[in-house]
Amino acid sequence: MTETGQPRLPKVLGVVALGGIIGSLARYGLATAIPHAAGGFPWATFVTNVVGCLAIGILFARLTPPSHPLLRPFLGTGILGGFTTFSTYAVDTEKLLHAQMHAHLVIAFAYYFGTVAAALLAATLGEYLGRRR
């Protein structure tokens, strides 16, 4: 701990890395459990990001300053940061847009806007649920 009560940088980086490993493995497991065909709606990525945003909303509403200073970096940045995958969301959207088929374009736009709307709604709902006692 530093003089201000904040954890030292190596500890923070360590818990973020450990959490990232856990979150990434969970995401991989979900993607394996819910595969999608080329040109199909990427349900695993959609579910991952929406559930992750819900959990982030709950987590940050529940974790208050008296909690352990490494808990937020471990759970939020580490596990949930490793679990959610907005980079895959962008790649999935790009692949659907470049498929040059009308059906894929419809799926691309539904996926693109649906993910953003559902993720924002989930984070907001998570914060609401997290603040309820």
N, C-alpha and C. Protein backbone atom coordinates (compact mmCIF):
# COMPACT_ATOMS: atom_id res chain seq x y z
N MET A 1 0.83 -1.19 0.00
CA MET A 1 0.00 0.00 0.00
C MET A 1 0.88 1.25 0.00
N THR A 2 0.38 2.27 -0.67
CA THR A 2 1.08 3.54 -0.65
C THR A 2 0.63 4.32 0.57
N GLU A 3 1.20 5.49 0.75
CA GLU A 3 0.83 6.32 1.89
C GLU A 3 -0.63 6.74 1.86
N THR A 4 -1.23 6.78 0.68
CA THR A 4 -2.64 7.19 0.56
C THR A 4 -3.60 6.01 0.73
N GLY A 5 -3.07 4.82 0.98
CA GLY A 5 -3.93 3.64 1.16
C GLY A 5 -4.26 2.93 -0.13
N GLN A 6 -3.66 3.37 -1.24
CA GLN A 6 -3.88 2.73 -2.55
C GLN A 6 -2.88 1.59 -2.71
N PRO A 7 -3.28 0.50 -3.37
CA PRO A 7 -2.35 -0.60 -3.59
C PRO A 7 -1.25 -0.19 -4.56
N ARG A 8 -0.09 -0.80 -4.43
CA ARG A 8 1.04 -0.53 -5.33
C ARG A 8 0.74 -1.09 -6.72
N LEU A 9 1.32 -0.45 -7.73
CA LEU A 9 1.07 -0.79 -9.13
C LEU A 9 1.31 -2.27 -9.45
N PRO A 10 2.40 -2.89 -9.00
CA PRO A 10 2.58 -4.31 -9.33
C PRO A 10 1.44 -5.20 -8.83
N LYS A 11 0.90 -4.90 -7.66
CA LYS A 11 -0.23 -5.67 -7.14
C LYS A 11 -1.46 -5.47 -8.01
N VAL A 12 -1.71 -4.23 -8.40
CA VAL A 12 -2.88 -3.94 -9.25
C VAL A 12 -2.73 -4.66 -10.59
N LEU A 13 -1.56 -4.56 -11.19
CA LEU A 13 -1.34 -5.24 -12.47
C LEU A 13 -1.49 -6.75 -12.33
N GLY A 14 -1.03 -7.30 -11.22
CA GLY A 14 -1.14 -8.73 -10.99
C GLY A 14 -2.58 -9.20 -10.88
N VAL A 15 -3.41 -8.46 -10.11
CA VAL A 15 -4.81 -8.88 -9.96
C VAL A 15 -5.59 -8.65 -11.24
N VAL A 16 -5.25 -7.60 -12.00
CA VAL A 16 -5.91 -7.38 -13.29
C VAL A 16 -5.56 -8.52 -14.25
N ALA A 17 -4.30 -8.91 -14.29
CA ALA A 17 -3.88 -10.00 -15.17
C ALA A 17 -4.55 -11.32 -14.78
N LEU A 18 -4.57 -11.63 -13.49
CA LEU A 18 -5.22 -12.86 -13.03
C LEU A 18 -6.71 -12.84 -13.36
N GLY A 19 -7.36 -11.73 -13.10
CA GLY A 19 -8.78 -11.60 -13.43
C GLY A 19 -9.02 -11.71 -14.93
N GLY A 20 -8.12 -11.11 -15.73
CA GLY A 20 -8.25 -11.19 -17.18
C GLY A 20 -8.17 -12.62 -17.69
N ILE A 21 -7.32 -13.41 -17.08
CA ILE A 21 -7.21 -14.82 -17.46
C ILE A 21 -8.52 -15.54 -17.17
N ILE A 22 -9.05 -15.31 -15.98
CA ILE A 22 -10.31 -15.96 -15.58
C ILE A 22 -11.45 -15.54 -16.50
N GLY A 23 -11.58 -14.23 -16.74
CA GLY A 23 -12.65 -13.72 -17.61
C GLY A 23 -12.53 -14.21 -19.03
N SER A 24 -11.32 -14.24 -19.56
CA SER A 24 -11.11 -14.71 -20.94
C SER A 24 -11.44 -16.19 -21.09
N LEU A 25 -11.08 -16.98 -20.09
CA LEU A 25 -11.42 -18.41 -20.14
C LEU A 25 -12.93 -18.62 -20.07
N ALA A 26 -13.61 -17.80 -19.26
CA ALA A 26 -15.07 -17.89 -19.19
C ALA A 26 -15.70 -17.52 -20.52
N ARG A 27 -15.17 -16.48 -21.17
CA ARG A 27 -15.68 -16.06 -22.49
C ARG A 27 -15.45 -17.16 -23.51
N TYR A 28 -14.28 -17.76 -23.49
CA TYR A 28 -13.98 -18.85 -24.42
C TYR A 28 -14.95 -20.02 -24.22
N GLY A 29 -15.22 -20.34 -22.95
CA GLY A 29 -16.17 -21.41 -22.66
C GLY A 29 -17.55 -21.11 -23.20
N LEU A 30 -17.99 -19.88 -23.05
CA LEU A 30 -19.31 -19.49 -23.56
C LEU A 30 -19.34 -19.53 -25.09
N ALA A 31 -18.27 -19.05 -25.71
CA ALA A 31 -18.21 -19.07 -27.18
C ALA A 31 -18.20 -20.49 -27.71
N THR A 32 -17.58 -21.39 -26.99
CA THR A 32 -17.56 -22.80 -27.39
C THR A 32 -18.93 -23.44 -27.21
N ALA A 33 -19.63 -23.03 -26.16
CA ALA A 33 -20.94 -23.60 -25.85
C ALA A 33 -22.03 -23.10 -26.80
N ILE A 34 -21.85 -21.89 -27.35
CA ILE A 34 -22.86 -21.30 -28.23
C ILE A 34 -22.19 -20.89 -29.56
N PRO A 35 -21.85 -21.86 -30.40
CA PRO A 35 -21.22 -21.51 -31.68
C PRO A 35 -22.23 -20.89 -32.64
N HIS A 36 -21.74 -20.16 -33.63
CA HIS A 36 -22.64 -19.63 -34.66
C HIS A 36 -22.00 -19.85 -36.04
N ALA A 37 -22.86 -20.06 -37.00
CA ALA A 37 -22.40 -20.27 -38.37
C ALA A 37 -21.98 -18.95 -38.99
N ALA A 38 -21.13 -19.02 -39.98
CA ALA A 38 -20.72 -17.82 -40.70
C ALA A 38 -21.97 -17.13 -41.26
N GLY A 39 -22.10 -15.86 -41.00
CA GLY A 39 -23.26 -15.11 -41.48
C GLY A 39 -24.44 -15.16 -40.54
N GLY A 40 -24.35 -15.96 -39.48
CA GLY A 40 -25.42 -16.04 -38.50
C GLY A 40 -25.22 -15.02 -37.39
N PHE A 41 -26.26 -14.84 -36.61
CA PHE A 41 -26.20 -13.89 -35.50
C PHE A 41 -25.22 -14.43 -34.45
N PRO A 42 -24.22 -13.65 -34.06
CA PRO A 42 -23.21 -14.10 -33.09
C PRO A 42 -23.74 -14.06 -31.65
N TRP A 43 -24.58 -15.03 -31.31
CA TRP A 43 -25.23 -15.03 -30.00
C TRP A 43 -24.26 -15.08 -28.83
N ALA A 44 -23.19 -15.84 -28.94
CA ALA A 44 -22.24 -15.96 -27.83
C ALA A 44 -21.63 -14.61 -27.48
N THR A 45 -21.23 -13.85 -28.49
CA THR A 45 -20.63 -12.54 -28.24
C THR A 45 -21.68 -11.57 -27.71
N PHE A 46 -22.87 -11.64 -28.26
CA PHE A 46 -23.96 -10.78 -27.79
C PHE A 46 -24.26 -11.06 -26.31
N VAL A 47 -24.44 -12.32 -25.96
CA VAL A 47 -24.75 -12.71 -24.57
C VAL A 47 -23.59 -12.33 -23.66
N THR A 48 -22.37 -12.58 -24.09
CA THR A 48 -21.19 -12.25 -23.29
C THR A 48 -21.18 -10.76 -22.95
N ASN A 49 -21.37 -9.92 -23.94
CA ASN A 49 -21.29 -8.48 -23.70
C ASN A 49 -22.46 -7.96 -22.87
N VAL A 50 -23.64 -8.47 -23.09
CA VAL A 50 -24.80 -8.01 -22.32
C VAL A 50 -24.69 -8.47 -20.86
N VAL A 51 -24.37 -9.74 -20.66
CA VAL A 51 -24.21 -10.25 -19.28
C VAL A 51 -23.06 -9.53 -18.58
N GLY A 52 -21.96 -9.31 -19.31
CA GLY A 52 -20.83 -8.59 -18.73
C GLY A 52 -21.19 -7.18 -18.32
N CYS A 53 -21.96 -6.48 -19.14
CA CYS A 53 -22.38 -5.12 -18.80
C CYS A 53 -23.33 -5.11 -17.61
N LEU A 54 -24.21 -6.09 -17.54
CA LEU A 54 -25.09 -6.21 -16.36
C LEU A 54 -24.24 -6.40 -15.10
N ALA A 55 -23.28 -7.29 -15.17
CA ALA A 55 -22.41 -7.56 -14.02
C ALA A 55 -21.58 -6.34 -13.65
N ILE A 56 -21.10 -5.60 -14.65
CA ILE A 56 -20.32 -4.39 -14.37
C ILE A 56 -21.18 -3.35 -13.66
N GLY A 57 -22.43 -3.19 -14.12
CA GLY A 57 -23.34 -2.26 -13.46
C GLY A 57 -23.57 -2.63 -12.00
N ILE A 58 -23.83 -3.91 -11.74
CA ILE A 58 -24.04 -4.37 -10.36
C ILE A 58 -22.77 -4.18 -9.54
N LEU A 59 -21.65 -4.60 -10.10
CA LEU A 59 -20.38 -4.54 -9.38
C LEU A 59 -20.04 -3.12 -8.94
N PHE A 60 -20.09 -2.19 -9.86
CA PHE A 60 -19.67 -0.84 -9.51
C PHE A 60 -20.69 -0.11 -8.65
N ALA A 61 -21.92 -0.55 -8.64
CA ALA A 61 -22.90 0.03 -7.72
C ALA A 61 -22.71 -0.54 -6.31
N ARG A 62 -22.29 -1.80 -6.23
CA ARG A 62 -22.14 -2.46 -4.93
C ARG A 62 -20.80 -2.20 -4.25
N LEU A 63 -19.74 -2.14 -5.03
CA LEU A 63 -18.42 -1.95 -4.43
C LEU A 63 -18.22 -0.49 -4.08
N THR A 64 -18.09 -0.25 -2.84
CA THR A 64 -17.92 1.12 -2.35
C THR A 64 -16.50 1.28 -1.85
N PRO A 65 -16.07 2.50 -1.59
CA PRO A 65 -14.70 2.72 -1.12
C PRO A 65 -14.25 1.86 0.07
N PRO A 66 -15.13 1.48 1.01
CA PRO A 66 -14.62 0.64 2.09
C PRO A 66 -14.21 -0.77 1.66
N SER A 67 -14.58 -1.21 0.43
CA SER A 67 -14.19 -2.54 -0.02
C SER A 67 -12.68 -2.58 -0.25
N HIS A 68 -12.14 -3.76 -0.34
CA HIS A 68 -10.70 -3.93 -0.53
C HIS A 68 -10.26 -3.22 -1.81
N PRO A 69 -9.15 -2.48 -1.76
CA PRO A 69 -8.75 -1.67 -2.92
C PRO A 69 -8.39 -2.49 -4.17
N LEU A 70 -8.13 -3.77 -4.03
CA LEU A 70 -7.81 -4.59 -5.20
C LEU A 70 -9.03 -5.29 -5.78
N LEU A 71 -10.17 -5.17 -5.11
CA LEU A 71 -11.37 -5.88 -5.57
C LEU A 71 -11.90 -5.34 -6.89
N ARG A 72 -12.00 -4.03 -7.02
CA ARG A 72 -12.49 -3.44 -8.27
C ARG A 72 -11.58 -3.76 -9.45
N PRO A 73 -10.26 -3.58 -9.32
CA PRO A 73 -9.40 -3.94 -10.46
C PRO A 73 -9.48 -5.43 -10.80
N PHE A 74 -9.58 -6.29 -9.81
CA PHE A 74 -9.64 -7.72 -10.06
C PHE A 74 -10.95 -8.11 -10.73
N LEU A 75 -12.08 -7.70 -10.15
CA LEU A 75 -13.38 -8.09 -10.68
C LEU A 75 -13.78 -7.28 -11.92
N GLY A 76 -13.62 -5.97 -11.85
CA GLY A 76 -14.09 -5.11 -12.94
C GLY A 76 -13.17 -5.11 -14.15
N THR A 77 -11.97 -4.61 -13.96
CA THR A 77 -11.03 -4.52 -15.08
C THR A 77 -10.54 -5.89 -15.49
N GLY A 78 -10.26 -6.74 -14.51
CA GLY A 78 -9.72 -8.06 -14.79
C GLY A 78 -10.75 -9.04 -15.34
N ILE A 79 -11.59 -9.57 -14.44
CA ILE A 79 -12.53 -10.62 -14.85
C ILE A 79 -13.53 -10.11 -15.88
N LEU A 80 -14.23 -9.03 -15.57
CA LEU A 80 -15.27 -8.56 -16.50
C LEU A 80 -14.68 -7.90 -17.75
N GLY A 81 -13.51 -7.29 -17.61
CA GLY A 81 -12.83 -6.75 -18.79
C GLY A 81 -12.35 -7.86 -19.71
N GLY A 82 -11.90 -8.97 -19.13
CA GLY A 82 -11.49 -10.11 -19.93
C GLY A 82 -12.67 -10.89 -20.49
N PHE A 83 -13.78 -10.84 -19.77
CA PHE A 83 -14.97 -11.58 -20.20
C PHE A 83 -15.68 -10.87 -21.36
N THR A 84 -15.93 -9.58 -21.23
CA THR A 84 -16.61 -8.85 -22.31
C THR A 84 -15.66 -8.73 -23.49
N THR A 85 -16.23 -8.61 -24.67
CA THR A 85 -15.39 -8.63 -25.86
C THR A 85 -15.97 -7.73 -26.95
N PHE A 86 -15.83 -6.44 -26.75
CA PHE A 86 -16.35 -5.53 -27.75
C PHE A 86 -15.46 -5.48 -28.99
N SER A 87 -14.24 -5.97 -28.89
CA SER A 87 -13.41 -6.08 -30.10
C SER A 87 -13.96 -7.17 -31.01
N THR A 88 -14.39 -8.30 -30.44
CA THR A 88 -15.00 -9.35 -31.24
C THR A 88 -16.32 -8.87 -31.83
N TYR A 89 -17.05 -8.08 -31.07
CA TYR A 89 -18.30 -7.48 -31.56
C TYR A 89 -18.02 -6.66 -32.82
N ALA A 90 -16.94 -5.88 -32.80
CA ALA A 90 -16.59 -5.06 -33.98
C ALA A 90 -16.20 -5.94 -35.16
N VAL A 91 -15.42 -6.98 -34.91
CA VAL A 91 -14.99 -7.89 -35.98
C VAL A 91 -16.19 -8.64 -36.55
N ASP A 92 -17.06 -9.14 -35.67
CA ASP A 92 -18.27 -9.84 -36.13
C ASP A 92 -19.12 -8.93 -37.02
N THR A 93 -19.28 -7.69 -36.61
CA THR A 93 -20.08 -6.74 -37.40
C THR A 93 -19.42 -6.51 -38.75
N GLU A 94 -18.12 -6.32 -38.76
CA GLU A 94 -17.39 -6.08 -40.01
C GLU A 94 -17.52 -7.26 -40.95
N LYS A 95 -17.42 -8.47 -40.44
CA LYS A 95 -17.56 -9.66 -41.27
C LYS A 95 -18.96 -9.74 -41.88
N LEU A 96 -19.97 -9.44 -41.08
CA LEU A 96 -21.34 -9.48 -41.58
C LEU A 96 -21.57 -8.40 -42.64
N LEU A 97 -21.00 -7.22 -42.44
CA LEU A 97 -21.18 -6.14 -43.41
C LEU A 97 -20.50 -6.43 -44.74
N HIS A 98 -19.41 -7.15 -44.71
CA HIS A 98 -18.67 -7.43 -45.93
C HIS A 98 -19.09 -8.74 -46.60
N ALA A 99 -20.11 -9.38 -46.09
CA ALA A 99 -20.58 -10.64 -46.67
C ALA A 99 -21.28 -10.42 -48.02
N GLN A 100 -21.70 -9.18 -48.28
CA GLN A 100 -22.33 -8.83 -49.56
C GLN A 100 -23.64 -9.57 -49.81
N MET A 101 -24.30 -9.97 -48.77
CA MET A 101 -25.60 -10.61 -48.92
C MET A 101 -26.61 -9.79 -48.11
N HIS A 102 -27.78 -9.58 -48.67
CA HIS A 102 -28.79 -8.76 -48.01
C HIS A 102 -29.12 -9.28 -46.61
N ALA A 103 -29.28 -10.58 -46.46
CA ALA A 103 -29.62 -11.15 -45.15
C ALA A 103 -28.53 -10.87 -44.13
N HIS A 104 -27.28 -10.91 -44.56
CA HIS A 104 -26.17 -10.63 -43.65
C HIS A 104 -26.15 -9.17 -43.23
N LEU A 105 -26.53 -8.28 -44.13
CA LEU A 105 -26.59 -6.86 -43.80
C LEU A 105 -27.65 -6.59 -42.74
N VAL A 106 -28.78 -7.24 -42.87
CA VAL A 106 -29.85 -7.08 -41.87
C VAL A 106 -29.36 -7.58 -40.51
N ILE A 107 -28.71 -8.75 -40.51
CA ILE A 107 -28.18 -9.30 -39.26
C ILE A 107 -27.11 -8.36 -38.69
N ALA A 108 -26.25 -7.81 -39.57
CA ALA A 108 -25.19 -6.92 -39.12
C ALA A 108 -25.75 -5.69 -38.41
N PHE A 109 -26.77 -5.07 -39.02
CA PHE A 109 -27.35 -3.88 -38.40
C PHE A 109 -28.11 -4.22 -37.12
N ALA A 110 -28.82 -5.32 -37.11
CA ALA A 110 -29.52 -5.75 -35.89
C ALA A 110 -28.52 -6.04 -34.78
N TYR A 111 -27.45 -6.71 -35.12
CA TYR A 111 -26.41 -7.05 -34.14
C TYR A 111 -25.71 -5.79 -33.64
N TYR A 112 -25.34 -4.90 -34.57
CA TYR A 112 -24.61 -3.68 -34.21
C TYR A 112 -25.42 -2.80 -33.25
N PHE A 113 -26.63 -2.46 -33.65
CA PHE A 113 -27.44 -1.57 -32.82
C PHE A 113 -28.05 -2.30 -31.63
N GLY A 114 -28.40 -3.57 -31.82
CA GLY A 114 -28.97 -4.35 -30.72
C GLY A 114 -28.00 -4.56 -29.58
N THR A 115 -26.74 -4.80 -29.91
CA THR A 115 -25.73 -4.99 -28.86
C THR A 115 -25.54 -3.72 -28.05
N VAL A 116 -25.41 -2.59 -28.72
CA VAL A 116 -25.22 -1.32 -28.01
C VAL A 116 -26.42 -1.04 -27.10
N ALA A 117 -27.62 -1.18 -27.63
CA ALA A 117 -28.83 -0.90 -26.84
C ALA A 117 -28.95 -1.87 -25.66
N ALA A 118 -28.75 -3.15 -25.91
CA ALA A 118 -28.89 -4.14 -24.84
C ALA A 118 -27.79 -3.98 -23.79
N ALA A 119 -26.57 -3.67 -24.21
CA ALA A 119 -25.47 -3.49 -23.27
C ALA A 119 -25.69 -2.27 -22.37
N LEU A 120 -26.14 -1.17 -22.96
CA LEU A 120 -26.43 0.03 -22.16
C LEU A 120 -27.58 -0.21 -21.20
N LEU A 121 -28.61 -0.87 -21.69
CA LEU A 121 -29.74 -1.20 -20.83
C LEU A 121 -29.31 -2.13 -19.70
N ALA A 122 -28.50 -3.12 -20.01
CA ALA A 122 -28.02 -4.07 -19.00
C ALA A 122 -27.17 -3.37 -17.95
N ALA A 123 -26.28 -2.48 -18.36
CA ALA A 123 -25.45 -1.76 -17.39
C ALA A 123 -26.31 -0.87 -16.48
N THR A 124 -27.30 -0.22 -17.07
CA THR A 124 -28.21 0.63 -16.30
C THR A 124 -29.03 -0.21 -15.33
N LEU A 125 -29.56 -1.32 -15.80
CA LEU A 125 -30.31 -2.24 -14.94
C LEU A 125 -29.41 -2.79 -13.84
N GLY A 126 -28.18 -3.14 -14.19
CA GLY A 126 -27.24 -3.64 -13.19
C GLY A 126 -26.96 -2.62 -12.10
N GLU A 127 -26.78 -1.38 -12.50
CA GLU A 127 -26.56 -0.33 -11.49
C GLU A 127 -27.78 -0.18 -10.59
N TYR A 128 -28.96 -0.21 -11.20
CA TYR A 128 -30.20 -0.10 -10.41
C TYR A 128 -30.29 -1.27 -9.42
N LEU A 129 -30.07 -2.48 -9.91
CA LEU A 129 -30.15 -3.65 -9.03
C LEU A 129 -29.06 -3.62 -7.96
N GLY A 130 -27.88 -3.14 -8.33
CA GLY A 130 -26.78 -3.05 -7.38
C GLY A 130 -27.00 -2.05 -6.27
N ARG A 131 -27.75 -1.00 -6.55
CA ARG A 131 -28.02 0.04 -5.54
C ARG A 131 -29.17 -0.32 -4.60
N ARG A 132 -29.99 -1.28 -5.03
CA ARG A 132 -31.09 -1.72 -4.15
C ARG A 132 -30.52 -2.51 -2.98
N ARG A 133 -31.03 -2.28 -1.83
CA ARG A 133 -30.50 -2.97 -0.63
C ARG A 133 -31.41 -4.09 -0.25
